[in-house]
Every structure is written in C-alpha cells, then in structure tokens.
mmCIF file of all heavy atoms, coordinates in Angstrom:
data_MODEL
# 
_entry.id   MODEL 
# 
loop_
_atom_site.group_PDB 
_atom_site.id 
_atom_site.type_symbol 
_atom_site.label_atom_id 
_atom_site.label_alt_id 
_atom_site.label_comp_id 
_atom_site.label_asym_id 
_atom_site.label_entity_id 
_atom_site.label_seq_id 
_atom_site.pdbx_PDB_ins_code 
_atom_site.Cartn_x 
_atom_site.Cartn_y 
_atom_site.Cartn_z 
_atom_site.occupancy 
_atom_site.B_iso_or_equiv 
_atom_site.pdbx_formal_charge 
_atom_site.auth_seq_id 
_atom_site.auth_comp_id 
_atom_site.auth_asym_id 
_atom_site.auth_atom_id 
_atom_site.pdbx_PDB_model_num 
ATOM 1   N N   . ILE A 1 1  ? 0.868  -1.210  -0.008 1.00 0.00 ? 1  ILE A N   1 
ATOM 2   C CA  . ILE A 1 1  ? -0.013 0.006   0.016  1.00 0.00 ? 1  ILE A CA  1 
ATOM 3   C C   . ILE A 1 1  ? 0.873  1.240   0.008  1.00 0.00 ? 1  ILE A C   1 
ATOM 4   O O   . ILE A 1 1  ? 1.722  1.407   0.900  1.00 0.00 ? 1  ILE A O   1 
ATOM 5   C CB  . ILE A 1 1  ? -0.908 0.016   1.265  1.00 0.00 ? 1  ILE A CB  1 
ATOM 6   C CG1 . ILE A 1 1  ? -1.679 -1.292  1.387  1.00 0.00 ? 1  ILE A CG1 1 
ATOM 7   C CG2 . ILE A 1 1  ? -1.846 1.216   1.187  1.00 0.00 ? 1  ILE A CG2 1 
ATOM 8   C CD1 . ILE A 1 1  ? -2.177 -1.569  2.745  1.00 0.00 ? 1  ILE A CD1 1 
ATOM 9   N N   . LEU A 1 2  ? 0.724  2.106   -1.022 1.00 0.00 ? 2  LEU A N   1 
ATOM 10  C CA  . LEU A 1 2  ? 1.448  3.394   -1.068 1.00 0.00 ? 2  LEU A CA  1 
ATOM 11  C C   . LEU A 1 2  ? 0.516  4.511   -0.625 1.00 0.00 ? 2  LEU A C   1 
ATOM 12  O O   . LEU A 1 2  ? -0.579 4.672   -1.211 1.00 0.00 ? 2  LEU A O   1 
ATOM 13  C CB  . LEU A 1 2  ? 1.921  3.646   -2.516 1.00 0.00 ? 2  LEU A CB  1 
ATOM 14  C CG  . LEU A 1 2  ? 2.548  5.047   -2.747 1.00 0.00 ? 2  LEU A CG  1 
ATOM 15  C CD1 . LEU A 1 2  ? 3.821  5.224   -1.933 1.00 0.00 ? 2  LEU A CD1 1 
ATOM 16  C CD2 . LEU A 1 2  ? 2.838  5.256   -4.233 1.00 0.00 ? 2  LEU A CD2 1 
ATOM 17  N N   . VAL A 1 3  ? 0.946  5.276   0.365  1.00 0.00 ? 3  VAL A N   1 
ATOM 18  C CA  . VAL A 1 3  ? 0.184  6.436   0.834  1.00 0.00 ? 3  VAL A CA  1 
ATOM 19  C C   . VAL A 1 3  ? 0.952  7.704   0.417  1.00 0.00 ? 3  VAL A C   1 
ATOM 20  O O   . VAL A 1 3  ? 2.126  7.872   0.823  1.00 0.00 ? 3  VAL A O   1 
ATOM 21  C CB  . VAL A 1 3  ? 0.005  6.378   2.337  1.00 0.00 ? 3  VAL A CB  1 
ATOM 22  C CG1 . VAL A 1 3  ? -0.804 7.594   2.833  1.00 0.00 ? 3  VAL A CG1 1 
ATOM 23  C CG2 . VAL A 1 3  ? -0.683 5.100   2.803  1.00 0.00 ? 3  VAL A CG2 1 
ATOM 24  N N   . THR A 1 4  ? 0.341  8.527   -0.379 1.00 0.00 ? 4  THR A N   1 
ATOM 25  C CA  . THR A 1 4  ? 0.970  9.749   -0.876 1.00 0.00 ? 4  THR A CA  1 
ATOM 26  C C   . THR A 1 4  ? -0.005 10.919  -0.696 1.00 0.00 ? 4  THR A C   1 
ATOM 27  O O   . THR A 1 4  ? -1.107 10.782  -0.135 1.00 0.00 ? 4  THR A O   1 
ATOM 28  C CB  . THR A 1 4  ? 1.364  9.615   -2.378 1.00 0.00 ? 4  THR A CB  1 
ATOM 29  O OG1 . THR A 1 4  ? 2.075  10.775  -2.784 1.00 0.00 ? 4  THR A OG1 1 
ATOM 30  C CG2 . THR A 1 4  ? 0.172  9.455   -3.268 1.00 0.00 ? 4  THR A CG2 1 
ATOM 31  N N   . SER A 1 5  ? 0.443  12.115  -1.112 1.00 0.00 ? 5  SER A N   1 
ATOM 32  C CA  . SER A 1 5  ? -0.391 13.341  -0.996 1.00 0.00 ? 5  SER A CA  1 
ATOM 33  C C   . SER A 1 5  ? 0.052  14.323  -2.035 1.00 0.00 ? 5  SER A C   1 
ATOM 34  O O   . SER A 1 5  ? 1.087  14.176  -2.681 1.00 0.00 ? 5  SER A O   1 
ATOM 35  C CB  . SER A 1 5  ? -0.276 13.955  0.400  1.00 0.00 ? 5  SER A CB  1 
ATOM 36  O OG  . SER A 1 5  ? 1.050  14.379  0.653  1.00 0.00 ? 5  SER A OG  1 
ATOM 37  N N   . LEU A 1 6  ? -0.770 15.382  -2.197 1.00 0.00 ? 6  LEU A N   1 
ATOM 38  C CA  . LEU A 1 6  ? -0.439 16.411  -3.197 1.00 0.00 ? 6  LEU A CA  1 
ATOM 39  C C   . LEU A 1 6  ? 0.586  17.409  -2.660 1.00 0.00 ? 6  LEU A C   1 
ATOM 40  O O   . LEU A 1 6  ? 1.327  17.997  -3.453 1.00 0.00 ? 6  LEU A O   1 
ATOM 41  C CB  . LEU A 1 6  ? -1.728 17.172  -3.560 1.00 0.00 ? 6  LEU A CB  1 
ATOM 42  C CG  . LEU A 1 6  ? -2.690 16.465  -4.468 1.00 0.00 ? 6  LEU A CG  1 
ATOM 43  C CD1 . LEU A 1 6  ? -4.011 17.182  -4.511 1.00 0.00 ? 6  LEU A CD1 1 
ATOM 44  C CD2 . LEU A 1 6  ? -2.125 16.302  -5.882 1.00 0.00 ? 6  LEU A CD2 1 
ATOM 45  N N   . GLU A 1 7  ? 0.630  17.567  -1.334 1.00 0.00 ? 7  GLU A N   1 
ATOM 46  C CA  . GLU A 1 7  ? 1.526  18.577  -0.774 1.00 0.00 ? 7  GLU A CA  1 
ATOM 47  C C   . GLU A 1 7  ? 1.993  18.103  0.593  1.00 0.00 ? 7  GLU A C   1 
ATOM 48  O O   . GLU A 1 7  ? 1.340  17.215  1.217  1.00 0.00 ? 7  GLU A O   1 
ATOM 49  C CB  . GLU A 1 7  ? 0.854  19.927  -0.660 1.00 0.00 ? 7  GLU A CB  1 
ATOM 50  C CG  . GLU A 1 7  ? -0.086 20.153  0.531  1.00 0.00 ? 7  GLU A CG  1 
ATOM 51  C CD  . GLU A 1 7  ? -1.370 19.334  0.519  1.00 0.00 ? 7  GLU A CD  1 
ATOM 52  O OE1 . GLU A 1 7  ? -1.672 18.670  -0.516 1.00 0.00 ? 7  GLU A OE1 1 
ATOM 53  O OE2 . GLU A 1 7  ? -2.066 19.362  1.500  1.00 0.00 ? 7  GLU A OE2 1 
ATOM 54  N N   . ALA A 1 8  ? 3.043  18.661  1.072  1.00 0.00 ? 8  ALA A N   1 
ATOM 55  C CA  . ALA A 1 8  ? 3.563  18.346  2.398  1.00 0.00 ? 8  ALA A CA  1 
ATOM 56  C C   . ALA A 1 8  ? 2.618  18.927  3.444  1.00 0.00 ? 8  ALA A C   1 
ATOM 57  O O   . ALA A 1 8  ? 1.985  19.953  3.233  1.00 0.00 ? 8  ALA A O   1 
ATOM 58  C CB  . ALA A 1 8  ? 4.945  18.910  2.598  1.00 0.00 ? 8  ALA A CB  1 
ATOM 59  N N   . GLY A 1 9  ? 2.546  18.252  4.577  1.00 0.00 ? 9  GLY A N   1 
ATOM 60  C CA  . GLY A 1 9  ? 1.705  18.742  5.663  1.00 0.00 ? 9  GLY A CA  1 
ATOM 61  C C   . GLY A 1 9  ? 0.258  18.272  5.627  1.00 0.00 ? 9  GLY A C   1 
ATOM 62  O O   . GLY A 1 9  ? -0.569 18.766  6.381  1.00 0.00 ? 9  GLY A O   1 
ATOM 63  N N   . ALA A 1 10 ? -0.061 17.356  4.678  1.00 0.00 ? 10 ALA A N   1 
ATOM 64  C CA  . ALA A 1 10 ? -1.411 16.886  4.568  1.00 0.00 ? 10 ALA A CA  1 
ATOM 65  C C   . ALA A 1 10 ? -1.765 15.828  5.587  1.00 0.00 ? 10 ALA A C   1 
ATOM 66  O O   . ALA A 1 10 ? -2.896 15.370  5.686  1.00 0.00 ? 10 ALA A O   1 
ATOM 67  C CB  . ALA A 1 10 ? -1.663 16.346  3.169  1.00 0.00 ? 10 ALA A CB  1 
ATOM 68  N N   . GLY A 1 11 ? -0.724 15.381  6.425  1.00 0.00 ? 11 GLY A N   1 
ATOM 69  C CA  . GLY A 1 11 ? -0.973 14.329  7.409  1.00 0.00 ? 11 GLY A CA  1 
ATOM 70  C C   . GLY A 1 11 ? -0.784 12.965  6.862  1.00 0.00 ? 11 GLY A C   1 
ATOM 71  O O   . GLY A 1 11 ? -1.272 11.987  7.419  1.00 0.00 ? 11 GLY A O   1 
ATOM 72  N N   . LYS A 1 12 ? 0.006  12.886  5.824  1.00 0.00 ? 12 LYS A N   1 
ATOM 73  C CA  . LYS A 1 12 ? 0.303  11.584  5.149  1.00 0.00 ? 12 LYS A CA  1 
ATOM 74  C C   . LYS A 1 12 ? 0.964  10.598  6.114  1.00 0.00 ? 12 LYS A C   1 
ATOM 75  O O   . LYS A 1 12 ? 0.572  9.413   6.197  1.00 0.00 ? 12 LYS A O   1 
ATOM 76  C CB  . LYS A 1 12 ? 1.166  11.826  3.914  1.00 0.00 ? 12 LYS A CB  1 
ATOM 77  C CG  . LYS A 1 12 ? 1.717  10.634  3.242  1.00 0.00 ? 12 LYS A CG  1 
ATOM 78  C CD  . LYS A 1 12 ? 2.473  11.027  1.990  1.00 0.00 ? 12 LYS A CD  1 
ATOM 79  C CE  . LYS A 1 12 ? 3.589  11.996  2.296  1.00 0.00 ? 12 LYS A CE  1 
ATOM 80  N NZ  . LYS A 1 12 ? 4.625  11.402  3.137  1.00 0.00 ? 12 LYS A NZ  1 
ATOM 81  N N   . SER A 1 13 ? 1.981  10.989  6.846  1.00 0.00 ? 13 SER A N   1 
ATOM 82  C CA  . SER A 1 13 ? 2.749  10.103  7.741  1.00 0.00 ? 13 SER A CA  1 
ATOM 83  C C   . SER A 1 13 ? 1.804  9.648   8.860  1.00 0.00 ? 13 SER A C   1 
ATOM 84  O O   . SER A 1 13 ? 1.840  8.447   9.297  1.00 0.00 ? 13 SER A O   1 
ATOM 85  C CB  . SER A 1 13 ? 3.948  10.826  8.318  1.00 0.00 ? 13 SER A CB  1 
ATOM 86  O OG  . SER A 1 13 ? 4.819  11.148  7.288  1.00 0.00 ? 13 SER A OG  1 
ATOM 87  N N   . PHE A 1 14 ? 0.998  10.568  9.424  1.00 0.00 ? 14 PHE A N   1 
ATOM 88  C CA  . PHE A 1 14 ? 0.089  10.199  10.507 1.00 0.00 ? 14 PHE A CA  1 
ATOM 89  C C   . PHE A 1 14 ? -0.901 9.127   10.026 1.00 0.00 ? 14 PHE A C   1 
ATOM 90  O O   . PHE A 1 14 ? -1.124 8.107   10.741 1.00 0.00 ? 14 PHE A O   1 
ATOM 91  C CB  . PHE A 1 14 ? -0.659 11.444  10.977 1.00 0.00 ? 14 PHE A CB  1 
ATOM 92  C CG  . PHE A 1 14 ? -1.777 11.157  11.937 1.00 0.00 ? 14 PHE A CG  1 
ATOM 93  C CD1 . PHE A 1 14 ? -1.538 10.821  13.258 1.00 0.00 ? 14 PHE A CD1 1 
ATOM 94  C CD2 . PHE A 1 14 ? -3.096 11.179  11.499 1.00 0.00 ? 14 PHE A CD2 1 
ATOM 95  C CE1 . PHE A 1 14 ? -2.593 10.549  14.139 1.00 0.00 ? 14 PHE A CE1 1 
ATOM 96  C CE2 . PHE A 1 14 ? -4.156 10.885  12.340 1.00 0.00 ? 14 PHE A CE2 1 
ATOM 97  C CZ  . PHE A 1 14 ? -3.883 10.585  13.665 1.00 0.00 ? 14 PHE A CZ  1 
ATOM 98  N N   . VAL A 1 15 ? -1.489 9.315   8.848  1.00 0.00 ? 15 VAL A N   1 
ATOM 99  C CA  . VAL A 1 15 ? -2.447 8.367   8.335  1.00 0.00 ? 15 VAL A CA  1 
ATOM 100 C C   . VAL A 1 15 ? -1.758 6.991   8.030  1.00 0.00 ? 15 VAL A C   1 
ATOM 101 O O   . VAL A 1 15 ? -2.285 5.920   8.294  1.00 0.00 ? 15 VAL A O   1 
ATOM 102 C CB  . VAL A 1 15 ? -3.094 8.903   7.035  1.00 0.00 ? 15 VAL A CB  1 
ATOM 103 C CG1 . VAL A 1 15 ? -3.972 7.865   6.383  1.00 0.00 ? 15 VAL A CG1 1 
ATOM 104 C CG2 . VAL A 1 15 ? -3.934 10.148  7.386  1.00 0.00 ? 15 VAL A CG2 1 
ATOM 105 N N   . SER A 1 16 ? -0.505 7.043   7.523  1.00 0.00 ? 16 SER A N   1 
ATOM 106 C CA  . SER A 1 16 ? 0.232  5.816   7.227  1.00 0.00 ? 16 SER A CA  1 
ATOM 107 C C   . SER A 1 16 ? 0.467  5.020   8.493  1.00 0.00 ? 16 SER A C   1 
ATOM 108 O O   . SER A 1 16 ? 0.349  3.763   8.514  1.00 0.00 ? 16 SER A O   1 
ATOM 109 C CB  . SER A 1 16 ? 1.590  6.157   6.563  1.00 0.00 ? 16 SER A CB  1 
ATOM 110 O OG  . SER A 1 16 ? 1.393  6.861   5.354  1.00 0.00 ? 16 SER A OG  1 
ATOM 111 N N   . GLN A 1 17 ? 0.838  5.714   9.565  1.00 0.00 ? 17 GLN A N   1 
ATOM 112 C CA  . GLN A 1 17 ? 1.087  5.013   10.840 1.00 0.00 ? 17 GLN A CA  1 
ATOM 113 C C   . GLN A 1 17 ? -0.166 4.405   11.407 1.00 0.00 ? 17 GLN A C   1 
ATOM 114 O O   . GLN A 1 17 ? -0.153 3.228   11.870 1.00 0.00 ? 17 GLN A O   1 
ATOM 115 C CB  . GLN A 1 17 ? 1.676  5.997   11.828 1.00 0.00 ? 17 GLN A CB  1 
ATOM 116 C CG  . GLN A 1 17 ? 3.111  6.491   11.485 1.00 0.00 ? 17 GLN A CG  1 
ATOM 117 C CD  . GLN A 1 17 ? 3.508  7.677   12.340 1.00 0.00 ? 17 GLN A CD  1 
ATOM 118 O OE1 . GLN A 1 17 ? 3.003  7.860   13.431 1.00 0.00 ? 17 GLN A OE1 1 
ATOM 119 N NE2 . GLN A 1 17 ? 4.545  8.398   11.847 1.00 0.00 ? 17 GLN A NE2 1 
ATOM 120 N N   . ARG A 1 18 ? -1.292 5.168   11.342 1.00 0.00 ? 18 ARG A N   1 
ATOM 121 C CA  . ARG A 1 18 ? -2.551 4.599   11.856 1.00 0.00 ? 18 ARG A CA  1 
ATOM 122 C C   . ARG A 1 18 ? -3.032 3.414   10.988 1.00 0.00 ? 18 ARG A C   1 
ATOM 123 O O   . ARG A 1 18 ? -3.567 2.429   11.501 1.00 0.00 ? 18 ARG A O   1 
ATOM 124 C CB  . ARG A 1 18 ? -3.638 5.705   11.868 1.00 0.00 ? 18 ARG A CB  1 
ATOM 125 C CG  . ARG A 1 18 ? -3.381 6.886   12.750 1.00 0.00 ? 18 ARG A CG  1 
ATOM 126 C CD  . ARG A 1 18 ? -3.569 6.554   14.239 1.00 0.00 ? 18 ARG A CD  1 
ATOM 127 N NE  . ARG A 1 18 ? -2.480 5.864   14.830 1.00 0.00 ? 18 ARG A NE  1 
ATOM 128 C CZ  . ARG A 1 18 ? -1.327 6.404   15.234 1.00 0.00 ? 18 ARG A CZ  1 
ATOM 129 N NH1 . ARG A 1 18 ? -1.140 7.708   15.098 1.00 0.00 ? 18 ARG A NH1 1 
ATOM 130 N NH2 . ARG A 1 18 ? -0.367 5.692   15.800 1.00 0.00 ? 18 ARG A NH2 1 
ATOM 131 N N   . LEU A 1 19 ? -2.775 3.517   9.696  1.00 0.00 ? 19 LEU A N   1 
ATOM 132 C CA  . LEU A 1 19 ? -3.175 2.421   8.799  1.00 0.00 ? 19 LEU A CA  1 
ATOM 133 C C   . LEU A 1 19 ? -2.301 1.168   9.061  1.00 0.00 ? 19 LEU A C   1 
ATOM 134 O O   . LEU A 1 19 ? -2.775 0.037   9.114  1.00 0.00 ? 19 LEU A O   1 
ATOM 135 C CB  . LEU A 1 19 ? -3.046 2.839   7.347  1.00 0.00 ? 19 LEU A CB  1 
ATOM 136 C CG  . LEU A 1 19 ? -3.477 1.817   6.296  1.00 0.00 ? 19 LEU A CG  1 
ATOM 137 C CD1 . LEU A 1 19 ? -4.932 1.425   6.480  1.00 0.00 ? 19 LEU A CD1 1 
ATOM 138 C CD2 . LEU A 1 19 ? -3.244 2.374   4.880  1.00 0.00 ? 19 LEU A CD2 1 
ATOM 139 N N   . ALA A 1 20 ? -1.026 1.359   9.249  1.00 0.00 ? 20 ALA A N   1 
ATOM 140 C CA  . ALA A 1 20 ? -0.084 0.260   9.571  1.00 0.00 ? 20 ALA A CA  1 
ATOM 141 C C   . ALA A 1 20 ? -0.448 -0.389  10.884 1.00 0.00 ? 20 ALA A C   1 
ATOM 142 O O   . ALA A 1 20 ? -0.427 -1.636  11.015 1.00 0.00 ? 20 ALA A O   1 
ATOM 143 C CB  . ALA A 1 20 ? 1.327  0.779   9.583  1.00 0.00 ? 20 ALA A CB  1 
ATOM 144 N N   . SER A 1 21 ? -0.819 0.436   11.874 1.00 0.00 ? 21 SER A N   1 
ATOM 145 C CA  . SER A 1 21 ? -1.207 -0.098  13.164 1.00 0.00 ? 21 SER A CA  1 
ATOM 146 C C   . SER A 1 21 ? -2.435 -0.990  13.053 1.00 0.00 ? 21 SER A C   1 
ATOM 147 O O   . SER A 1 21 ? -2.577 -2.033  13.706 1.00 0.00 ? 21 SER A O   1 
ATOM 148 C CB  . SER A 1 21 ? -1.421 1.067   14.142 1.00 0.00 ? 21 SER A CB  1 
ATOM 149 O OG  . SER A 1 21 ? -1.813 0.568   15.424 1.00 0.00 ? 21 SER A OG  1 
ATOM 150 N N   . LEU A 1 22 ? -3.410 -0.497  12.220 1.00 0.00 ? 22 LEU A N   1 
ATOM 151 C CA  . LEU A 1 22 ? -4.640 -1.247  12.033 1.00 0.00 ? 22 LEU A CA  1 
ATOM 152 C C   . LEU A 1 22 ? -4.371 -2.570  11.287 1.00 0.00 ? 22 LEU A C   1 
ATOM 153 O O   . LEU A 1 22 ? -4.932 -3.643  11.652 1.00 0.00 ? 22 LEU A O   1 
ATOM 154 C CB  . LEU A 1 22 ? -5.653 -0.375  11.233 1.00 0.00 ? 22 LEU A CB  1 
ATOM 155 C CG  . LEU A 1 22 ? -7.027 -0.975  11.007 1.00 0.00 ? 22 LEU A CG  1 
ATOM 156 C CD1 . LEU A 1 22 ? -7.742 -1.251  12.348 1.00 0.00 ? 22 LEU A CD1 1 
ATOM 157 C CD2 . LEU A 1 22 ? -7.876 -0.019  10.159 1.00 0.00 ? 22 LEU A CD2 1 
ATOM 158 N N   . LEU A 1 23 ? -3.519 -2.553  10.281 1.00 0.00 ? 23 LEU A N   1 
ATOM 159 C CA  . LEU A 1 23 ? -3.208 -3.740  9.494  1.00 0.00 ? 23 LEU A CA  1 
ATOM 160 C C   . LEU A 1 23 ? -2.417 -4.767  10.303 1.00 0.00 ? 23 LEU A C   1 
ATOM 161 O O   . LEU A 1 23 ? -2.461 -5.969  10.113 1.00 0.00 ? 23 LEU A O   1 
ATOM 162 C CB  . LEU A 1 23 ? -2.459 -3.384  8.225  1.00 0.00 ? 23 LEU A CB  1 
ATOM 163 C CG  . LEU A 1 23 ? -3.259 -2.660  7.168  1.00 0.00 ? 23 LEU A CG  1 
ATOM 164 C CD1 . LEU A 1 23 ? -2.370 -2.106  6.062  1.00 0.00 ? 23 LEU A CD1 1 
ATOM 165 C CD2 . LEU A 1 23 ? -4.349 -3.522  6.562  1.00 0.00 ? 23 LEU A CD2 1 
ATOM 166 N N   . ALA A 1 24 ? -1.635 -4.281  11.259 1.00 0.00 ? 24 ALA A N   1 
ATOM 167 C CA  . ALA A 1 24 ? -0.798 -5.140  12.083 1.00 0.00 ? 24 ALA A CA  1 
ATOM 168 C C   . ALA A 1 24 ? -1.640 -6.076  12.955 1.00 0.00 ? 24 ALA A C   1 
ATOM 169 O O   . ALA A 1 24 ? -1.169 -7.119  13.436 1.00 0.00 ? 24 ALA A O   1 
ATOM 170 C CB  . ALA A 1 24 ? 0.134  -4.277  12.977 1.00 0.00 ? 24 ALA A CB  1 
ATOM 171 N N   . GLN A 1 25 ? -2.896 -5.712  13.164 1.00 0.00 ? 25 GLN A N   1 
ATOM 172 C CA  . GLN A 1 25 ? -3.782 -6.519  13.953 1.00 0.00 ? 25 GLN A CA  1 
ATOM 173 C C   . GLN A 1 25 ? -4.188 -7.782  13.198 1.00 0.00 ? 25 GLN A C   1 
ATOM 174 O O   . GLN A 1 25 ? -4.658 -8.755  13.767 1.00 0.00 ? 25 GLN A O   1 
ATOM 175 C CB  . GLN A 1 25 ? -5.049 -5.738  14.359 1.00 0.00 ? 25 GLN A CB  1 
ATOM 176 C CG  . GLN A 1 25 ? -4.745 -4.499  15.216 1.00 0.00 ? 25 GLN A CG  1 
ATOM 177 C CD  . GLN A 1 25 ? -6.006 -3.672  15.471 1.00 0.00 ? 25 GLN A CD  1 
ATOM 178 O OE1 . GLN A 1 25 ? -7.099 -4.131  15.232 1.00 0.00 ? 25 GLN A OE1 1 
ATOM 179 N NE2 . GLN A 1 25 ? -5.819 -2.458  15.956 1.00 0.00 ? 25 GLN A NE2 1 
ATOM 180 N N   . LYS A 1 26 ? -4.012 -7.780  11.838 1.00 0.00 ? 26 LYS A N   1 
ATOM 181 C CA  . LYS A 1 26 ? -4.418 -8.915  11.012 1.00 0.00 ? 26 LYS A CA  1 
ATOM 182 C C   . LYS A 1 26 ? -3.202 -9.743  10.572 1.00 0.00 ? 26 LYS A C   1 
ATOM 183 O O   . LYS A 1 26 ? -3.385 -10.824 10.021 1.00 0.00 ? 26 LYS A O   1 
ATOM 184 C CB  . LYS A 1 26 ? -5.175 -8.386  9.799  1.00 0.00 ? 26 LYS A CB  1 
ATOM 185 C CG  . LYS A 1 26 ? -6.436 -7.615  10.164 1.00 0.00 ? 26 LYS A CG  1 
ATOM 186 C CD  . LYS A 1 26 ? -7.096 -7.124  8.868  1.00 0.00 ? 26 LYS A CD  1 
ATOM 187 C CE  . LYS A 1 26 ? -8.324 -6.292  9.213  1.00 0.00 ? 26 LYS A CE  1 
ATOM 188 N NZ  . LYS A 1 26 ? -8.977 -5.810  7.987  1.00 0.00 ? 26 LYS A NZ  1 
ATOM 189 N N   . GLY A 1 27 ? -2.043 -9.219  10.697 1.00 0.00 ? 27 GLY A N   1 
ATOM 190 C CA  . GLY A 1 27 ? -0.857 -9.971  10.293 1.00 0.00 ? 27 GLY A CA  1 
ATOM 191 C C   . GLY A 1 27 ? 0.381  -9.106  10.357 1.00 0.00 ? 27 GLY A C   1 
ATOM 192 O O   . GLY A 1 27 ? 0.310  -7.887  10.671 1.00 0.00 ? 27 GLY A O   1 
ATOM 193 N N   . ARG A 1 28 ? 1.520  -9.708  10.092 1.00 0.00 ? 28 ARG A N   1 
ATOM 194 C CA  . ARG A 1 28 ? 2.762  -8.996  10.179 1.00 0.00 ? 28 ARG A CA  1 
ATOM 195 C C   . ARG A 1 28 ? 2.809  -7.852  9.127  1.00 0.00 ? 28 ARG A C   1 
ATOM 196 O O   . ARG A 1 28 ? 2.506  -8.062  7.964  1.00 0.00 ? 28 ARG A O   1 
ATOM 197 C CB  . ARG A 1 28 ? 3.938  -9.984  9.940  1.00 0.00 ? 28 ARG A CB  1 
ATOM 198 C CG  . ARG A 1 28 ? 5.278  -9.348  10.265 1.00 0.00 ? 28 ARG A CG  1 
ATOM 199 C CD  . ARG A 1 28 ? 6.382  -10.371 10.057 1.00 0.00 ? 28 ARG A CD  1 
ATOM 200 N NE  . ARG A 1 28 ? 7.658  -9.766  10.377 1.00 0.00 ? 28 ARG A NE  1 
ATOM 201 C CZ  . ARG A 1 28 ? 8.827  -10.303 10.126 1.00 0.00 ? 28 ARG A CZ  1 
ATOM 202 N NH1 . ARG A 1 28 ? 8.862  -11.496 9.488  1.00 0.00 ? 28 ARG A NH1 1 
ATOM 203 N NH2 . ARG A 1 28 ? 9.965  -9.703  10.458 1.00 0.00 ? 28 ARG A NH2 1 
ATOM 204 N N   . THR A 1 29 ? 3.195  -6.651  9.604  1.00 0.00 ? 29 THR A N   1 
ATOM 205 C CA  . THR A 1 29 ? 3.140  -5.471  8.752  1.00 0.00 ? 29 THR A CA  1 
ATOM 206 C C   . THR A 1 29 ? 4.439  -4.690  8.865  1.00 0.00 ? 29 THR A C   1 
ATOM 207 O O   . THR A 1 29 ? 5.061  -4.584  9.941  1.00 0.00 ? 29 THR A O   1 
ATOM 208 C CB  . THR A 1 29 ? 1.989  -4.539  9.217  1.00 0.00 ? 29 THR A CB  1 
ATOM 209 O OG1 . THR A 1 29 ? 0.749  -5.243  9.170  1.00 0.00 ? 29 THR A OG1 1 
ATOM 210 C CG2 . THR A 1 29 ? 1.886  -3.287  8.332  1.00 0.00 ? 29 THR A CG2 1 
ATOM 211 N N   . LEU A 1 30 ? 4.870  -4.136  7.674  1.00 0.00 ? 30 LEU A N   1 
ATOM 212 C CA  . LEU A 1 30 ? 6.066  -3.323  7.634  1.00 0.00 ? 30 LEU A CA  1 
ATOM 213 C C   . LEU A 1 30 ? 5.680  -1.922  7.155  1.00 0.00 ? 30 LEU A C   1 
ATOM 214 O O   . LEU A 1 30 ? 4.889  -1.740  6.201  1.00 0.00 ? 30 LEU A O   1 
ATOM 215 C CB  . LEU A 1 30 ? 7.052  -3.941  6.636  1.00 0.00 ? 30 LEU A CB  1 
ATOM 216 C CG  . LEU A 1 30 ? 8.308  -3.093  6.285  1.00 0.00 ? 30 LEU A CG  1 
ATOM 217 C CD1 . LEU A 1 30 ? 9.167  -2.906  7.543  1.00 0.00 ? 30 LEU A CD1 1 
ATOM 218 C CD2 . LEU A 1 30 ? 9.103  -3.751  5.162  1.00 0.00 ? 30 LEU A CD2 1 
ATOM 219 N N   . LEU A 1 31 ? 6.297  -0.905  7.767  1.00 0.00 ? 31 LEU A N   1 
ATOM 220 C CA  . LEU A 1 31 ? 6.053  0.495   7.400  1.00 0.00 ? 31 LEU A CA  1 
ATOM 221 C C   . LEU A 1 31 ? 7.378  1.107   6.923  1.00 0.00 ? 31 LEU A C   1 
ATOM 222 O O   . LEU A 1 31 ? 8.329  1.120   7.659  1.00 0.00 ? 31 LEU A O   1 
ATOM 223 C CB  . LEU A 1 31 ? 5.506  1.285   8.560  1.00 0.00 ? 31 LEU A CB  1 
ATOM 224 C CG  . LEU A 1 31 ? 5.369  2.811   8.329  1.00 0.00 ? 31 LEU A CG  1 
ATOM 225 C CD1 . LEU A 1 31 ? 4.369  3.092   7.242  1.00 0.00 ? 31 LEU A CD1 1 
ATOM 226 C CD2 . LEU A 1 31 ? 4.966  3.463   9.630  1.00 0.00 ? 31 LEU A CD2 1 
# 
C-alpha cells in the first residue's frame, strides 16, 4: 500500500502510521 499526498503537511505520515497499526492486527506489517 502506497500512501501519498499532493503537498507536504497533509498528514500523510500520520495516516500511514494509523493504517499500519490497524493492518498489524491482522498480520505482520512493515512500514
């Protein structure tokens, strides 16, 4: 899964971390 944005500061890293945390509940996840 690639998480990107149009501009810096859109909260891309925050969303990526929350998404990785959620996926880690179902199996091994790498960020």
